């Protein structure tokens, strides 16, 4: 049996720079998404801290619905279970 030696694949500097830029952009996008989620969490927690069980309308808030995207939720029933997506 003869073994064939594989030449290491050389990557050009331009390719490395492009991969580096892509990774940086990916991280920026990820961090941006996390920041947005944290802002939503802060608004929701602030609203929940003001919840009054005696006042059913204390959680009915346009800002809260916009924050959690309640208008984008889809609801349907599956085998006696209501599913909200």
C-alpha atoms as a PDB file:
ATOM      1  CA  UNK A   1       0.000   0.000   0.000  1.00  0.00           C
ATOM      2  CA  UNK A   2       1.224   3.354  -0.841  1.00  0.00           C
ATOM      3  CA  UNK A   3       0.325   6.309   1.252  1.00  0.00           C
ATOM      4  CA  UNK A   4      -0.465   9.495  -0.478  1.00  0.00           C
ATOM      5  CA  UNK A   5       0.586  12.613   1.283  1.00  0.00           C
ATOM      6  CA  UNK A   6      -1.961  15.343   1.264  1.00  0.00           C
ATOM      7  CA  UNK A   7      -0.641  18.785   0.763  1.00  0.00           C
ATOM      8  CA  UNK A   8      -1.955  21.143   3.394  1.00  0.00           C
ATOM      9  CA  UNK A   9      -4.551  23.447   1.961  1.00  0.00           C
ATOM     10  CA  UNK A  10      -3.171  26.914   1.945  1.00  0.00           C
ATOM     11  CA  UNK A  11      -5.535  29.729   2.653  1.00  0.00           C
ATOM     12  CA  UNK A  12      -4.738  33.115   1.274  1.00  0.00           C
ATOM     13  CA  UNK A  13      -4.543  36.191   3.447  1.00  0.00           C
ATOM     14  CA  UNK A  14      -7.584  37.631   1.713  1.00  0.00           C
ATOM     15  CA  UNK A  15      -9.625  34.540   2.581  1.00  0.00           C
ATOM     16  CA  UNK A  16      -8.516  34.731   6.204  1.00  0.00           C
ATOM     17  CA  UNK A  17      -9.419  38.410   6.374  1.00  0.00           C
ATOM     18  CA  UNK A  18     -12.845  37.697   4.874  1.00  0.00           C
ATOM     19  CA  UNK A  19     -13.497  34.881   7.375  1.00  0.00           C
ATOM     20  CA  UNK A  20     -12.378  37.195  10.167  1.00  0.00           C
ATOM     21  CA  UNK A  21     -14.809  39.904   8.988  1.00  0.00           C
ATOM     22  CA  UNK A  22     -17.627  37.376   8.780  1.00  0.00           C
ATOM     23  CA  UNK A  23     -16.960  36.179  12.320  1.00  0.00           C
ATOM     24  CA  UNK A  24     -16.897  39.758  13.608  1.00  0.00           C
ATOM     25  CA  UNK A  25     -20.196  40.519  11.862  1.00  0.00           C
ATOM     26  CA  UNK A  26     -21.741  37.344  13.276  1.00  0.00           C
ATOM     27  CA  UNK A  27     -20.697  38.305  16.808  1.00  0.00           C
ATOM     28  CA  UNK A  28     -22.011  41.864  16.331  1.00  0.00           C
ATOM     29  CA  UNK A  29     -25.374  40.536  15.134  1.00  0.00           C
ATOM     30  CA  UNK A  30     -25.541  38.089  18.028  1.00  0.00           C
ATOM     31  CA  UNK A  31     -24.749  40.795  20.582  1.00  0.00           C
ATOM     32  CA  UNK A  32     -27.324  43.102  19.015  1.00  0.00           C
ATOM     33  CA  UNK A  33     -29.961  40.399  19.358  1.00  0.00           C
ATOM     34  CA  UNK A  34     -28.988  39.806  22.978  1.00  0.00           C
ATOM     35  CA  UNK A  35     -29.181  43.542  23.726  1.00  0.00           C
ATOM     36  CA  UNK A  36     -32.664  43.700  22.224  1.00  0.00           C
ATOM     37  CA  UNK A  37     -33.789  40.694  24.260  1.00  0.00           C
ATOM     38  CA  UNK A  38     -32.367  42.220  27.455  1.00  0.00           C
ATOM     39  CA  UNK A  39     -34.253  45.464  26.818  1.00  0.00           C
ATOM     40  CA  UNK A  40     -37.463  43.483  26.364  1.00  0.00           C
ATOM     41  CA  UNK A  41     -36.798  41.531  29.550  1.00  0.00           C
ATOM     42  CA  UNK A  42     -36.199  44.762  31.470  1.00  0.00           C
ATOM     43  CA  UNK A  43     -39.491  46.269  30.272  1.00  0.00           C
ATOM     44  CA  UNK A  44     -41.410  43.085  31.054  1.00  0.00           C
ATOM     45  CA  UNK A  45     -39.889  42.736  34.532  1.00  0.00           C
ATOM     46  CA  UNK A  46     -40.612  46.390  35.260  1.00  0.00           C
ATOM     47  CA  UNK A  47     -44.231  45.913  34.230  1.00  0.00           C
ATOM     48  CA  UNK A  48     -44.567  42.682  36.217  1.00  0.00           C
ATOM     49  CA  UNK A  49     -43.174  44.391  39.312  1.00  0.00           C
ATOM     50  CA  UNK A  50     -46.105  46.829  39.093  1.00  0.00           C
ATOM     51  CA  UNK A  51     -48.665  44.023  38.792  1.00  0.00           C
ATOM     52  CA  UNK A  52     -51.650  44.374  41.090  1.00  0.00           C
ATOM     53  CA  UNK A  53     -53.692  41.164  41.461  1.00  0.00           C
ATOM     54  CA  UNK A  54     -56.733  43.240  42.428  1.00  0.00           C
ATOM     55  CA  UNK A  55     -56.555  45.201  39.178  1.00  0.00           C
ATOM     56  CA  UNK A  56     -56.899  42.874  36.201  1.00  0.00           C
ATOM     57  CA  UNK A  57     -56.009  45.680  33.827  1.00  0.00           C
ATOM     58  CA  UNK A  58     -52.625  46.248  35.459  1.00  0.00           C
ATOM     59  CA  UNK A  59     -51.009  43.939  32.900  1.00  0.00           C
ATOM     60  CA  UNK A  60     -53.015  45.185  29.935  1.00  0.00           C
ATOM     61  CA  UNK A  61     -50.558  47.595  28.458  1.00  0.00           C
ATOM     62  CA  UNK A  62     -49.892  48.484  24.837  1.00  0.00           C
ATOM     63  CA  UNK A  63     -46.161  48.847  25.531  1.00  0.00           C
ATOM     64  CA  UNK A  64     -46.009  45.395  27.101  1.00  0.00           C
ATOM     65  CA  UNK A  65     -47.859  43.805  24.181  1.00  0.00           C
ATOM     66  CA  UNK A  66     -45.538  45.489  21.705  1.00  0.00           C
ATOM     67  CA  UNK A  67     -42.501  44.443  23.717  1.00  0.00           C
ATOM     68  CA  UNK A  68     -43.343  40.765  23.946  1.00  0.00           C
ATOM     69  CA  UNK A  69     -44.927  40.704  20.521  1.00  0.00           C
ATOM     70  CA  UNK A  70     -48.274  39.426  21.708  1.00  0.00           C
ATOM     71  CA  UNK A  71     -49.833  40.465  18.420  1.00  0.00           C
ATOM     72  CA  UNK A  72     -47.452  38.146  16.568  1.00  0.00           C
ATOM     73  CA  UNK A  73     -48.389  35.098  18.619  1.00  0.00           C
ATOM     74  CA  UNK A  74     -50.331  32.363  16.896  1.00  0.00           C
ATOM     75  CA  UNK A  75     -52.620  30.138  18.870  1.00  0.00           C
ATOM     76  CA  UNK A  76     -54.150  26.793  17.971  1.00  0.00           C
ATOM     77  CA  UNK A  77     -55.330  23.673  19.743  1.00  0.00           C
ATOM     78  CA  UNK A  78     -53.756  20.241  19.633  1.00  0.00           C
ATOM     79  CA  UNK A  79     -55.301  17.288  21.456  1.00  0.00           C
ATOM     80  CA  UNK A  80     -56.905  19.227  24.299  1.00  0.00           C
ATOM     81  CA  UNK A  81     -53.882  21.515  24.631  1.00  0.00           C
ATOM     82  CA  UNK A  82     -53.729  25.094  23.483  1.00  0.00           C
ATOM     83  CA  UNK A  83     -50.424  25.920  21.813  1.00  0.00           C
ATOM     84  CA  UNK A  84     -49.168  29.491  21.565  1.00  0.00           C
ATOM     85  CA  UNK A  85     -46.266  30.222  19.247  1.00  0.00           C
END
